[in-house]
Structures are given as structure tokens and as C-alpha cells.
Amino acid sequence: MGIRRRCWTAIALYLLSLPGSQLTSANAMVLASGESGTNTADPRIEPALNRIGIVNNGGSGVYLGNSHGKSWVLTANHVGPGSFELGGITYSAVAGSAHQLLNPDSTLSDILLFQINGDPRLSPLNLASASPTNDTQMYMIGFGQSGRPNRSFWIDDGGPWIPTVAGDPAANRIGYQWTGVQPGLERWGSGSVAGSTHGINQTRAFYTKFLDQKKNACATAGDSGGGVFIRLGDQWQLIGMLDALAGLTNQPAGTSVLNGEINVIADLSQYRAQIDAHPVIVPEPPSLASEAGEERDRSINQDHRSGWPAASRQK
């Protein structure tokens, strides 16, 4: 079921007009708890975090792996190919290697693959082979801006929103204002699949809602191209790419609104055959969880790094 009557924004602040809506490209994580300033590490999520880097010093990307001497990165087309910083090391893009994936109707999607010079020496990712069902738990990772620690309040009466203060009985919109530089620190957050939709360039996608729940996250500027994972048992699987945000009519720029914002996530399972054509995804790859002790340590900035449940695939 698609999303209707919303403002869509491409996460990298790329704008696209759609009938009755506006897409905004995604950037960084804002958490419903407002604790975006915490900076701790969790070895359970580290294998997935170690695959997400910074593209073009402004967006995010996923390192897929190296095969036959070629290292591949996946990102959003609106972010574009370019330098890729992973674990403090910057890799240049291989000229002429960019490949924009196609939608089922053969139009161009917003998913891009490109090669980098060098080898980060991480094994190929395990890519999900099927679309997620509703209520599947997602783990979103990117290098976007953070949210201010305190909530913001607005009055939405159908025109431009009016800022107000906590406790105002007329306040009917609550959320967070974005802050900090882009790219920001690496952060993760969670959400549950709420349905299917289309992203930028009609990319096949699913979406999560920004709810007023602990650990629940909303992407911000700079998160475009970031990875979205599920956890099945002890194995991490890449299932999506942060593509866009869907906001509300007249919503102020640079804000995330509780119970209104939607994360639009490209469904990579729908493009797996094209990704498989580039030999980086191997059959039955080893569990990423087993690599936690082998991969480099990384200091990360993200809320609530404890108590993540395994991914659910229930409807």
C-alpha cells in the first residue's frame, strides 16, 4: 500500500515533485528519545556499522565487498559516485565504473553501484532475497545530521506552522530540529516496516514511520545511500537503502516530526539480480556477526545501543 498526500524529500536534500507530494533525500538519524548525542559502541551492531561509509563528503554508502580485485559500493544515485570514506580511510572512485540500476519497468532507479580503488578487506555482504513483511524490524545506519536534544512544538492550522512551547494546548505537532554538520557522526536507529511505496525515480521501496517510541528513528540530511539491515538469528542481512523522507504539508525544513515523518527505503531484494551481476554477493556468505572480532574498532554515535531484538518477519 503506497503513501498518499504527503510531502516527499530526497534524503540528500534532492527535491522531486510528485502529484500532491514532495520527496526529500535522507540524511542522518534523529531518535524519538532525543538522545542523539550519545556516543557508544555495541558489538552486536558493529558488523553492520563497519560497512557504512561517507560518499562525496556529504552522503552515505554501503560497502558490498570485493571480488576478483574489484571493490563495490552501493549508494543513492542522487548522492552520486565519488570518494568513499570507510573506517577513517578514503578510497577514490574508479572512473567510469558507476552503474545505475533499473526498475522492473526498465526505467532508471535511484540505486547506484560504483567501484572504489583499494580493498577494505571485508567479506561480501549477505543480501536479503525477499521483500520484508509488515512489522519486520529494520536497523538504519547513516552519516546524517543529528537532532537537537529537546523537542520542538508547532501549531499546524493548515498554513505555515507556528512555533510554540511545550505545554501549549494548541500545539498539535511535535518533533525535532536538525543540527550539526553534514556528514555527521555515524548513527543507527530502528523502525518497523509499515507498507510498500515508491521512492525517487519510482524506485521500489518500503517505508517505516517515525513514531514516539524508544529507539525509533528518522533519517535526516546526509543519510541518503545509507544501509538498512535486518537480523535473522546471528546473521545481518542488507535489505534496503535509505532513499527519501516523506513529511507533512508545510512542515518546516530541517525537522523530523513524530507520528508524521516516513522513511522511504529502497527495497534491494527487488534489485538483487542486478546486484548479483556484479560479483560481490556470494551464495550463503559467512555470518557478518562472526566478523565482529576481526573487523576494526570504530567509535560511533547512536542512541540506545543495548537491547536490540532480532528481526521479526511476522505480518
Protein backbone atom coordinates (compact mmCIF):
# COMPACT_ATOMS: atom_id res chain seq x y z
CA MET A 1 0.00 0.00 0.00
CA GLY A 2 1.53 3.32 -1.03
CA ILE A 3 1.84 6.63 0.77
CA ARG A 4 -0.56 9.40 -0.21
CA ARG A 5 -0.97 13.12 0.39
CA ARG A 6 2.50 13.64 1.80
CA CYS A 7 5.50 15.86 1.16
CA TRP A 8 8.41 13.80 -0.11
CA THR A 9 12.01 14.88 0.27
CA ALA A 10 15.11 13.13 -1.05
CA ILE A 11 17.44 12.48 1.85
CA ALA A 12 20.37 14.38 0.35
CA LEU A 13 18.14 17.43 0.03
CA TYR A 14 17.42 16.48 -3.56
CA LEU A 15 13.88 17.60 -4.41
CA LEU A 16 11.44 15.86 -6.70
CA SER A 17 7.90 16.99 -7.45
CA LEU A 18 5.23 14.33 -7.41
CA PRO A 19 1.45 14.72 -7.61
CA GLY A 20 0.42 16.16 -4.26
CA SER A 21 3.76 15.38 -2.64
CA GLN A 22 7.44 16.24 -2.38
CA LEU A 23 10.35 13.83 -1.88
CA THR A 24 13.34 14.85 0.19
CA SER A 25 16.56 12.86 0.17
CA ALA A 26 17.58 11.36 3.51
CA ASN A 27 20.49 12.49 5.66
CA ALA A 28 21.12 11.46 9.35
CA MET A 29 19.35 9.82 12.26
CA VAL A 30 17.03 11.56 14.71
CA LEU A 31 15.74 9.39 17.53
CA ALA A 32 12.39 9.72 19.23
CA SER A 33 14.12 9.74 22.61
CA GLY A 34 16.10 12.85 21.66
CA GLU A 35 19.32 11.27 22.91
CA SER A 36 21.18 11.83 19.65
CA GLY A 37 24.31 12.93 21.47
CA THR A 38 25.28 9.58 22.96
CA ASN A 39 28.47 8.01 21.62
CA THR A 40 28.92 4.36 22.49
CA ALA A 41 29.62 1.09 20.67
CA ASP A 42 27.66 -2.13 20.62
CA PRO A 43 29.48 -5.21 19.26
CA ARG A 44 26.19 -6.71 18.16
CA ILE A 45 25.62 -3.97 15.57
CA GLU A 46 29.29 -3.34 14.79
CA PRO A 47 29.42 -5.74 11.78
CA ALA A 48 26.74 -3.69 10.02
CA LEU A 49 28.15 -0.32 11.11
CA ASN A 50 31.55 -1.27 9.68
CA ARG A 51 30.03 -1.43 6.17
CA ILE A 52 28.61 2.11 6.05
CA GLY A 53 30.79 4.97 4.87
CA ILE A 54 30.65 8.56 3.63
CA VAL A 55 30.21 9.25 -0.09
CA ASN A 56 31.29 12.56 -1.63
CA ASN A 57 31.75 14.04 1.85
CA GLY A 58 28.01 14.53 2.18
CA GLY A 59 26.04 11.32 1.70
CA SER A 60 26.22 7.72 2.88
CA GLY A 61 27.03 4.46 1.13
CA VAL A 62 27.32 0.72 1.75
CA TYR A 63 30.47 -1.27 1.07
CA LEU A 64 29.28 -4.50 -0.58
CA GLY A 65 32.58 -6.37 -0.80
CA ASN A 66 35.47 -7.25 -3.10
CA SER A 67 35.54 -9.96 -5.73
CA HIS A 68 38.19 -10.61 -8.37
CA GLY A 69 40.03 -7.50 -7.27
CA LYS A 70 37.04 -5.16 -7.59
CA SER A 71 35.54 -3.38 -4.58
CA TRP A 72 31.93 -2.20 -4.90
CA VAL A 73 29.91 0.47 -3.10
CA LEU A 74 26.13 0.97 -3.21
CA THR A 75 24.58 4.39 -2.71
CA ALA A 76 21.72 6.59 -3.92
CA ASN A 77 22.03 7.92 -7.45
CA HIS A 78 21.20 11.41 -6.19
CA VAL A 79 24.31 11.16 -3.98
CA GLY A 80 26.38 10.03 -6.97
CA PRO A 81 29.70 8.16 -7.26
CA GLY A 82 32.80 9.66 -5.71
CA SER A 83 35.17 9.38 -2.78
CA PHE A 84 34.21 6.78 -0.18
CA GLU A 85 35.44 7.11 3.41
CA LEU A 86 35.27 3.93 5.45
CA GLY A 87 36.88 3.45 8.85
CA GLY A 88 38.91 6.64 8.52
CA ILE A 89 40.35 5.66 5.12
CA THR A 90 39.25 7.46 1.95
CA TYR A 91 39.04 5.48 -1.28
CA SER A 92 38.73 7.13 -4.69
CA ALA A 93 36.08 6.03 -7.18
CA VAL A 94 37.10 4.09 -10.28
CA ALA A 95 36.38 6.30 -13.27
CA GLY A 96 33.59 5.01 -15.48
CA SER A 97 32.52 2.27 -13.05
CA ALA A 98 29.15 3.76 -12.00
CA HIS A 99 26.12 1.62 -12.83
CA GLN A 100 22.58 2.87 -12.17
CA LEU A 101 20.17 0.01 -11.51
CA LEU A 102 16.90 -0.36 -13.41
CA ASN A 103 13.35 -0.59 -12.09
CA PRO A 104 11.21 -3.57 -13.18
CA ASP A 105 9.80 -1.39 -15.99
CA SER A 106 13.36 -0.68 -17.24
CA THR A 107 13.36 2.95 -16.09
CA LEU A 108 16.33 4.20 -14.08
CA SER A 109 16.07 3.76 -10.30
CA ASP A 110 17.76 5.81 -7.58
CA ILE A 111 20.17 2.97 -6.73
CA LEU A 112 23.79 3.26 -7.87
CA LEU A 113 26.77 0.90 -7.79
CA PHE A 114 30.35 2.04 -8.30
CA GLN A 115 33.84 0.67 -7.76
CA ILE A 116 36.49 2.10 -5.47
CA ASN A 117 40.25 1.84 -5.72
CA GLY A 118 41.60 -0.31 -2.90
CA ASP A 119 40.25 -3.11 -0.76
CA PRO A 120 38.78 -2.52 2.73
CA ARG A 121 39.22 -6.30 3.28
CA LEU A 122 35.73 -7.10 4.48
CA SER A 123 33.88 -10.17 3.24
CA PRO A 124 30.88 -9.76 0.88
CA LEU A 125 27.60 -8.73 2.45
CA ASN A 126 24.67 -11.07 2.80
CA LEU A 127 21.86 -9.53 0.74
CA ALA A 128 18.20 -10.27 1.53
CA SER A 129 16.42 -12.24 -1.20
CA ALA A 130 12.82 -11.27 -0.40
CA SER A 131 10.91 -8.10 0.43
CA PRO A 132 10.23 -7.58 4.14
CA THR A 133 6.76 -8.16 5.52
CA ASN A 134 4.95 -5.59 7.61
CA ASP A 135 6.26 -5.21 11.17
CA THR A 136 9.71 -6.51 10.23
CA GLN A 137 12.26 -4.77 12.44
CA MET A 138 14.74 -2.59 10.48
CA TYR A 139 18.10 -1.16 11.55
CA MET A 140 19.00 2.03 9.68
CA ILE A 141 22.56 3.41 9.53
CA GLY A 142 23.88 6.66 8.07
CA PHE A 143 26.07 9.73 8.48
CA GLY A 144 23.40 12.43 8.57
CA GLN A 145 22.85 15.35 10.89
CA SER A 146 21.59 14.81 14.40
CA GLY A 147 18.52 16.18 16.14
CA ARG A 148 18.54 18.76 18.91
CA PRO A 149 18.20 17.12 22.33
CA ASN A 150 14.97 18.92 23.19
CA ARG A 151 11.70 18.51 21.36
CA SER A 152 10.16 21.30 19.31
CA PHE A 153 6.46 22.16 19.20
CA TRP A 154 4.33 23.74 16.48
CA ILE A 155 0.76 24.74 15.78
CA ASP A 156 -0.44 23.41 12.44
CA ASP A 157 -3.69 25.08 11.41
CA GLY A 158 -3.37 24.40 7.68
CA GLY A 159 -0.96 27.23 6.86
CA PRO A 160 2.69 27.77 7.77
CA TRP A 161 3.43 26.07 11.07
CA ILE A 162 3.71 28.37 14.10
CA PRO A 163 6.50 27.54 16.60
CA THR A 164 5.34 27.33 20.19
CA VAL A 165 6.48 25.94 23.53
CA ALA A 166 5.96 22.76 25.49
CA GLY A 167 2.68 22.77 27.35
CA ASP A 168 0.83 24.93 24.82
CA PRO A 169 -2.59 23.24 24.48
CA ALA A 170 -2.75 24.42 20.85
CA ALA A 171 0.42 22.53 19.88
CA ASN A 172 -0.51 19.66 17.58
CA ARG A 173 2.89 18.85 16.02
CA ILE A 174 5.89 17.60 17.98
CA GLY A 175 9.34 16.73 16.71
CA TYR A 176 12.99 17.70 16.48
CA GLN A 177 15.05 20.27 14.63
CA TRP A 178 18.17 19.04 12.85
CA THR A 179 21.55 20.33 13.95
CA GLY A 180 25.25 19.79 13.30
CA VAL A 181 27.35 19.36 10.20
CA GLN A 182 26.79 17.13 7.18
CA PRO A 183 28.12 14.50 7.12
CA GLY A 184 27.65 13.89 10.80
CA LEU A 185 28.77 11.06 13.05
CA GLU A 186 27.66 7.56 12.20
CA ARG A 187 24.37 6.71 13.90
CA TRP A 188 21.86 3.92 13.85
CA GLY A 189 18.21 3.70 14.67
CA SER A 190 15.35 1.27 14.27
CA GLY A 191 11.86 1.10 12.84
CA SER A 192 9.25 -1.39 11.68
CA VAL A 193 8.04 -1.85 8.12
CA ALA A 194 4.62 -0.25 7.65
CA GLY A 195 3.99 -0.89 3.95
CA SER A 196 5.33 -0.61 0.40
CA THR A 197 5.73 2.51 -1.73
CA HIS A 198 7.97 4.09 -4.37
CA GLY A 199 10.97 6.31 -3.78
CA ILE A 200 12.89 8.69 -6.01
CA ASN A 201 12.72 7.73 -9.72
CA GLN A 202 9.91 5.32 -8.80
CA THR A 203 12.40 3.08 -7.02
CA ARG A 204 10.63 0.07 -5.47
CA ALA A 205 10.59 0.71 -1.75
CA PHE A 206 9.06 0.07 1.65
CA TYR A 207 8.68 2.52 4.49
CA THR A 208 8.86 2.92 8.26
CA LYS A 209 7.15 5.56 10.39
CA PHE A 210 8.83 7.92 12.87
CA LEU A 211 6.86 7.01 15.99
CA ASP A 212 7.13 8.31 19.53
CA GLN A 213 8.83 5.15 20.74
CA LYS A 214 12.23 4.48 22.25
CA LYS A 215 14.89 3.55 19.64
CA ASN A 216 12.60 4.66 16.79
CA ALA A 217 14.49 6.73 14.22
CA CYS A 218 14.02 9.16 11.36
CA ALA A 219 16.64 9.85 8.68
CA THR A 220 17.99 13.38 8.15
CA ALA A 221 20.20 15.23 5.67
CA GLY A 222 23.24 13.10 4.82
CA ASP A 223 21.69 9.66 5.37
CA SER A 224 20.85 9.12 1.69
CA GLY A 225 22.51 5.93 0.47
CA GLY A 226 22.85 4.53 3.97
CA GLY A 227 22.24 0.87 4.72
CA VAL A 228 19.15 -0.76 6.20
CA PHE A 229 19.62 -4.19 7.77
CA ILE A 230 17.60 -6.98 9.30
CA ARG A 231 18.95 -9.53 11.76
CA LEU A 232 17.95 -13.14 11.31
CA GLY A 233 19.37 -15.22 14.13
CA ASP A 234 23.04 -14.26 14.35
CA GLN A 235 23.23 -13.04 10.76
CA TRP A 236 22.93 -9.48 9.43
CA GLN A 237 21.35 -9.05 6.01
CA LEU A 238 21.33 -5.89 3.91
CA ILE A 239 17.73 -5.36 2.82
CA GLY A 240 17.41 -1.69 1.96
CA MET A 241 18.98 1.68 1.20
CA LEU A 242 17.86 4.97 2.75
CA ASP A 243 16.36 6.90 -0.14
CA ALA A 244 13.92 9.62 0.91
CA LEU A 245 11.72 11.16 3.58
CA ALA A 246 8.00 11.80 3.39
CA GLY A 247 6.92 14.74 5.51
CA LEU A 248 3.74 16.72 6.08
CA THR A 249 2.31 19.71 4.24
CA ASN A 250 4.01 22.97 5.32
CA GLN A 251 6.41 21.11 7.59
CA PRO A 252 9.41 23.38 8.33
CA ALA A 253 12.66 22.44 6.58
CA GLY A 254 15.26 20.65 8.66
CA THR A 255 12.80 18.98 11.03
CA SER A 256 11.59 15.48 11.89
CA VAL A 257 8.01 15.22 13.13
CA LEU A 258 6.78 12.41 15.36
CA ASN A 259 3.86 10.38 14.03
CA GLY A 260 4.15 12.22 10.72
CA GLU A 261 7.54 11.56 9.13
CA ILE A 262 8.13 8.48 6.99
CA ASN A 263 11.45 6.87 5.99
CA VAL A 264 11.34 5.69 2.37
CA ILE A 265 13.74 2.76 1.93
CA ALA A 266 14.73 1.25 -1.43
CA ASP A 267 13.89 -2.47 -1.43
CA LEU A 268 17.19 -4.04 -2.53
CA SER A 269 15.67 -7.51 -2.80
CA GLN A 270 13.84 -6.21 -5.89
CA TYR A 271 17.19 -5.39 -7.48
CA ARG A 272 19.19 -8.37 -6.32
CA ALA A 273 19.57 -9.92 -9.78
CA GLN A 274 21.29 -6.74 -11.00
CA ILE A 275 23.49 -6.57 -7.92
CA ASP A 276 24.37 -10.25 -8.32
CA ALA A 277 25.51 -9.46 -11.86
CA HIS A 278 28.40 -7.62 -10.22
CA PRO A 279 30.25 -10.47 -8.46
CA VAL A 280 30.29 -9.27 -4.88
CA ILE A 281 27.29 -11.05 -3.36
CA VAL A 282 28.23 -14.69 -2.85
CA PRO A 283 25.89 -17.64 -2.17
CA GLU A 284 25.46 -18.34 1.54
CA PRO A 285 28.15 -15.92 2.73
CA PRO A 286 29.50 -16.27 6.27
CA SER A 287 27.54 -14.54 9.02
CA LEU A 288 28.59 -10.96 9.47
CA ALA A 289 28.20 -11.47 13.18
CA SER A 290 31.22 -13.78 13.17
CA GLU A 291 33.37 -10.95 11.85
CA ALA A 292 32.81 -8.68 14.82
CA GLY A 293 36.10 -9.66 16.42
CA GLU A 294 38.05 -9.37 13.16
CA GLU A 295 36.85 -6.01 11.88
CA ARG A 296 38.35 -2.75 13.07
CA ASP A 297 37.06 -0.98 16.15
CA ARG A 298 35.03 2.12 15.47
CA SER A 299 33.65 4.80 17.73
CA ILE A 300 30.07 5.50 16.77
CA ASN A 301 27.40 7.94 17.80
CA GLN A 302 23.98 6.41 18.29
CA ASP A 303 21.28 6.13 20.87
CA HIS A 304 20.21 3.01 22.71
CA ARG A 305 22.89 0.54 21.72
CA SER A 306 21.59 -2.15 24.02
CA GLY A 307 18.64 -4.47 23.89
CA TRP A 308 18.06 -4.76 20.13
CA PRO A 309 15.68 -7.61 19.35
CA ALA A 310 16.25 -9.96 16.44
CA ALA A 311 14.40 -9.04 13.25
CA SER A 312 10.82 -10.21 13.01
CA ARG A 313 9.21 -11.31 9.78
CA GLN A 314 5.65 -11.52 11.06
CA LYS A 315 2.82 -9.70 9.34
